[in-house]
Amino acid sequence: MGLARYFVVRRKHEWLVTLEGRTMAAHHSQAEAIGSAIVMADLMGAMHHDADVMVEDERGGALRPVWTYGQDKVPVAPIRVLQVVPSHSHVKRVQRPPELKAS
């Protein structure tokens, strides 16, 4: 199958994830956009496409490869603590990444 090459590029105040010239996602930070692009590329790789992620540097210059399906692992998203329940200081509400949520 063909190559699914995702690009992470800065446009004004956003970081875009593009595929074949189409915007697939927009994020506030480069790190969020890279994570999103890797998830998309991993899904394409699982469908037997060659897939990778290229990132534009902060100044809008050269592109560099940051992830390739079959060579690099998919990073695990950290679990974020959303708040501590005031009446139960030992209980914390968390937001789990979708891949860690129970079915």
C-alpha atoms as a PDB file:
ATOM      1  CA  MET A   1       0.000   0.000   0.000  1.00  0.00           C
ATOM      2  CA  GLY A   2       1.010   3.647  -0.245  1.00  0.00           C
ATOM      3  CA  LEU A   3       2.812   5.970   2.113  1.00  0.00           C
ATOM      4  CA  ALA A   4       0.711   7.895   4.632  1.00  0.00           C
ATOM      5  CA  ARG A   5       2.975  10.816   5.544  1.00  0.00           C
ATOM      6  CA  TYR A   6       1.604  13.149   8.194  1.00  0.00           C
ATOM      7  CA  PHE A   7       3.030  16.656   8.483  1.00  0.00           C
ATOM      8  CA  VAL A   8       2.959  18.775  11.646  1.00  0.00           C
ATOM      9  CA  VAL A   9       3.271  22.434  10.662  1.00  0.00           C
ATOM     10  CA  ARG A  10       2.739  25.769  12.370  1.00  0.00           C
ATOM     11  CA  ARG A  11       0.137  28.157  10.975  1.00  0.00           C
ATOM     12  CA  LYS A  12      -0.296  31.405  12.887  1.00  0.00           C
ATOM     13  CA  HIS A  13      -1.092  30.375  16.478  1.00  0.00           C
ATOM     14  CA  GLU A  14      -1.909  26.722  15.785  1.00  0.00           C
ATOM     15  CA  TRP A  15      -0.094  23.507  14.976  1.00  0.00           C
ATOM     16  CA  LEU A  16      -1.787  21.597  12.163  1.00  0.00           C
ATOM     17  CA  VAL A  17      -1.646  17.912  11.336  1.00  0.00           C
ATOM     18  CA  THR A  18      -1.981  17.408   7.582  1.00  0.00           C
ATOM     19  CA  LEU A  19      -2.216  14.414   5.272  1.00  0.00           C
ATOM     20  CA  GLU A  20      -2.051  14.791   1.489  1.00  0.00           C
ATOM     21  CA  GLY A  21      -2.590  18.547   1.806  1.00  0.00           C
ATOM     22  CA  ARG A  22      -5.693  18.238   3.978  1.00  0.00           C
ATOM     23  CA  THR A  23      -5.856  19.451   7.560  1.00  0.00           C
ATOM     24  CA  MET A  24      -6.693  16.529   9.800  1.00  0.00           C
ATOM     25  CA  ALA A  25      -6.398  18.286  13.196  1.00  0.00           C
ATOM     26  CA  ALA A  26      -5.422  21.599  14.785  1.00  0.00           C
ATOM     27  CA  HIS A  27      -3.768  21.921  18.200  1.00  0.00           C
ATOM     28  CA  HIS A  28      -2.501  24.644  20.510  1.00  0.00           C
ATOM     29  CA  SER A  29       0.939  23.085  20.973  1.00  0.00           C
ATOM     30  CA  GLN A  30       3.457  21.279  18.837  1.00  0.00           C
ATOM     31  CA  ALA A  31       3.591  18.386  21.325  1.00  0.00           C
ATOM     32  CA  GLU A  32      -0.184  17.845  21.111  1.00  0.00           C
ATOM     33  CA  ALA A  33      -0.061  17.924  17.317  1.00  0.00           C
ATOM     34  CA  ILE A  34       2.807  15.425  17.183  1.00  0.00           C
ATOM     35  CA  GLY A  35       0.932  13.060  19.515  1.00  0.00           C
ATOM     36  CA  SER A  36      -2.189  13.329  17.389  1.00  0.00           C
ATOM     37  CA  ALA A  37      -0.236  12.729  14.171  1.00  0.00           C
ATOM     38  CA  ILE A  38       1.447   9.650  15.650  1.00  0.00           C
ATOM     39  CA  VAL A  39      -1.912   8.136  16.621  1.00  0.00           C
ATOM     40  CA  MET A  40      -3.234   8.741  13.093  1.00  0.00           C
ATOM     41  CA  ALA A  41      -0.082   7.333  11.470  1.00  0.00           C
ATOM     42  CA  ASP A  42      -0.187   4.291  13.743  1.00  0.00           C
ATOM     43  CA  LEU A  43      -3.762   3.568  12.639  1.00  0.00           C
ATOM     44  CA  MET A  44      -2.730   3.822   8.986  1.00  0.00           C
ATOM     45  CA  GLY A  45       0.208   1.524   9.655  1.00  0.00           C
ATOM     46  CA  ALA A  46      -2.150  -0.995  11.244  1.00  0.00           C
ATOM     47  CA  MET A  47      -4.073  -0.924   7.937  1.00  0.00           C
ATOM     48  CA  HIS A  48      -0.885  -1.995   6.116  1.00  0.00           C
ATOM     49  CA  HIS A  49       0.213   1.439   4.882  1.00  0.00           C
ATOM     50  CA  ASP A  50       3.737   2.711   5.307  1.00  0.00           C
ATOM     51  CA  ALA A  51       3.281   5.654   7.669  1.00  0.00           C
ATOM     52  CA  ASP A  52       5.424   8.337   9.243  1.00  0.00           C
ATOM     53  CA  VAL A  53       5.277  11.776  10.849  1.00  0.00           C
ATOM     54  CA  MET A  54       7.312  14.772   9.698  1.00  0.00           C
ATOM     55  CA  VAL A  55       7.586  17.935  11.830  1.00  0.00           C
ATOM     56  CA  GLU A  56       8.391  21.486  10.805  1.00  0.00           C
ATOM     57  CA  ASP A  57      10.853  23.276  13.091  1.00  0.00           C
ATOM     58  CA  GLU A  58       9.688  26.180  15.285  1.00  0.00           C
ATOM     59  CA  ARG A  59      10.786  28.794  12.721  1.00  0.00           C
ATOM     60  CA  GLY A  60       8.794  27.205   9.902  1.00  0.00           C
ATOM     61  CA  GLY A  61      11.894  25.813   8.218  1.00  0.00           C
ATOM     62  CA  ALA A  62      13.130  22.313   7.513  1.00  0.00           C
ATOM     63  CA  LEU A  63      11.038  19.205   8.101  1.00  0.00           C
ATOM     64  CA  ARG A  64      12.429  16.300  10.070  1.00  0.00           C
ATOM     65  CA  PRO A  65      11.081  12.794  10.622  1.00  0.00           C
ATOM     66  CA  VAL A  66       9.986  12.124  14.218  1.00  0.00           C
ATOM     67  CA  TRP A  67       8.122   8.813  14.005  1.00  0.00           C
ATOM     68  CA  THR A  68       7.906   5.854  11.615  1.00  0.00           C
ATOM     69  CA  TYR A  69       5.442   2.963  11.810  1.00  0.00           C
ATOM     70  CA  GLY A  70       7.159  -0.319  12.569  1.00  0.00           C
ATOM     71  CA  GLN A  71      10.326   1.379  13.853  1.00  0.00           C
ATOM     72  CA  ASP A  72       9.131   3.620  16.682  1.00  0.00           C
ATOM     73  CA  LYS A  73       6.780   2.922  19.574  1.00  0.00           C
ATOM     74  CA  VAL A  74       3.561   4.849  20.088  1.00  0.00           C
ATOM     75  CA  PRO A  75       4.108   7.049  23.140  1.00  0.00           C
ATOM     76  CA  VAL A  76       1.756   6.481  26.057  1.00  0.00           C
ATOM     77  CA  ALA A  77      -0.130   9.617  27.023  1.00  0.00           C
ATOM     78  CA  PRO A  78       0.271  10.601  30.666  1.00  0.00           C
ATOM     79  CA  ILE A  79      -2.695  10.392  32.998  1.00  0.00           C
ATOM     80  CA  ARG A  80      -3.644  13.893  34.138  1.00  0.00           C
ATOM     81  CA  VAL A  81      -5.114  14.685  37.531  1.00  0.00           C
ATOM     82  CA  LEU A  82      -8.156  16.883  36.930  1.00  0.00           C
ATOM     83  CA  GLN A  83      -9.013  17.724  40.518  1.00  0.00           C
ATOM     84  CA  VAL A  84      -8.882  16.508  44.083  1.00  0.00           C
ATOM     85  CA  VAL A  85     -12.269  15.812  45.635  1.00  0.00           C
ATOM     86  CA  PRO A  86     -12.334  18.241  48.624  1.00  0.00           C
ATOM     87  CA  SER A  87     -14.153  16.003  51.104  1.00  0.00           C
ATOM     88  CA  HIS A  88     -11.900  13.040  50.292  1.00  0.00           C
ATOM     89  CA  SER A  89      -8.331  14.254  49.888  1.00  0.00           C
ATOM     90  CA  HIS A  90      -7.169  10.735  49.087  1.00  0.00           C
ATOM     91  CA  VAL A  91      -9.553  10.529  46.072  1.00  0.00           C
ATOM     92  CA  LYS A  92      -8.502  12.131  42.806  1.00  0.00           C
ATOM     93  CA  ARG A  93     -10.437  12.348  39.571  1.00  0.00           C
ATOM     94  CA  VAL A  94      -8.275  11.527  36.592  1.00  0.00           C
ATOM     95  CA  GLN A  95      -8.573  11.687  32.855  1.00  0.00           C
ATOM     96  CA  ARG A  96      -7.235   8.563  31.239  1.00  0.00           C
ATOM     97  CA  PRO A  97      -6.021   8.414  27.647  1.00  0.00           C
ATOM     98  CA  PRO A  98      -8.609   6.669  25.426  1.00  0.00           C
ATOM     99  CA  GLU A  99      -6.393   3.606  24.983  1.00  0.00           C
ATOM    100  CA  LEU A 100      -6.389   3.026  28.765  1.00  0.00           C
ATOM    101  CA  LYS A 101     -10.132   3.451  29.378  1.00  0.00           C
ATOM    102  CA  ALA A 102     -12.063   0.373  30.422  1.00  0.00           C
ATOM    103  CA  SER A 103     -14.696  -0.899  27.995  1.00  0.00           C
END
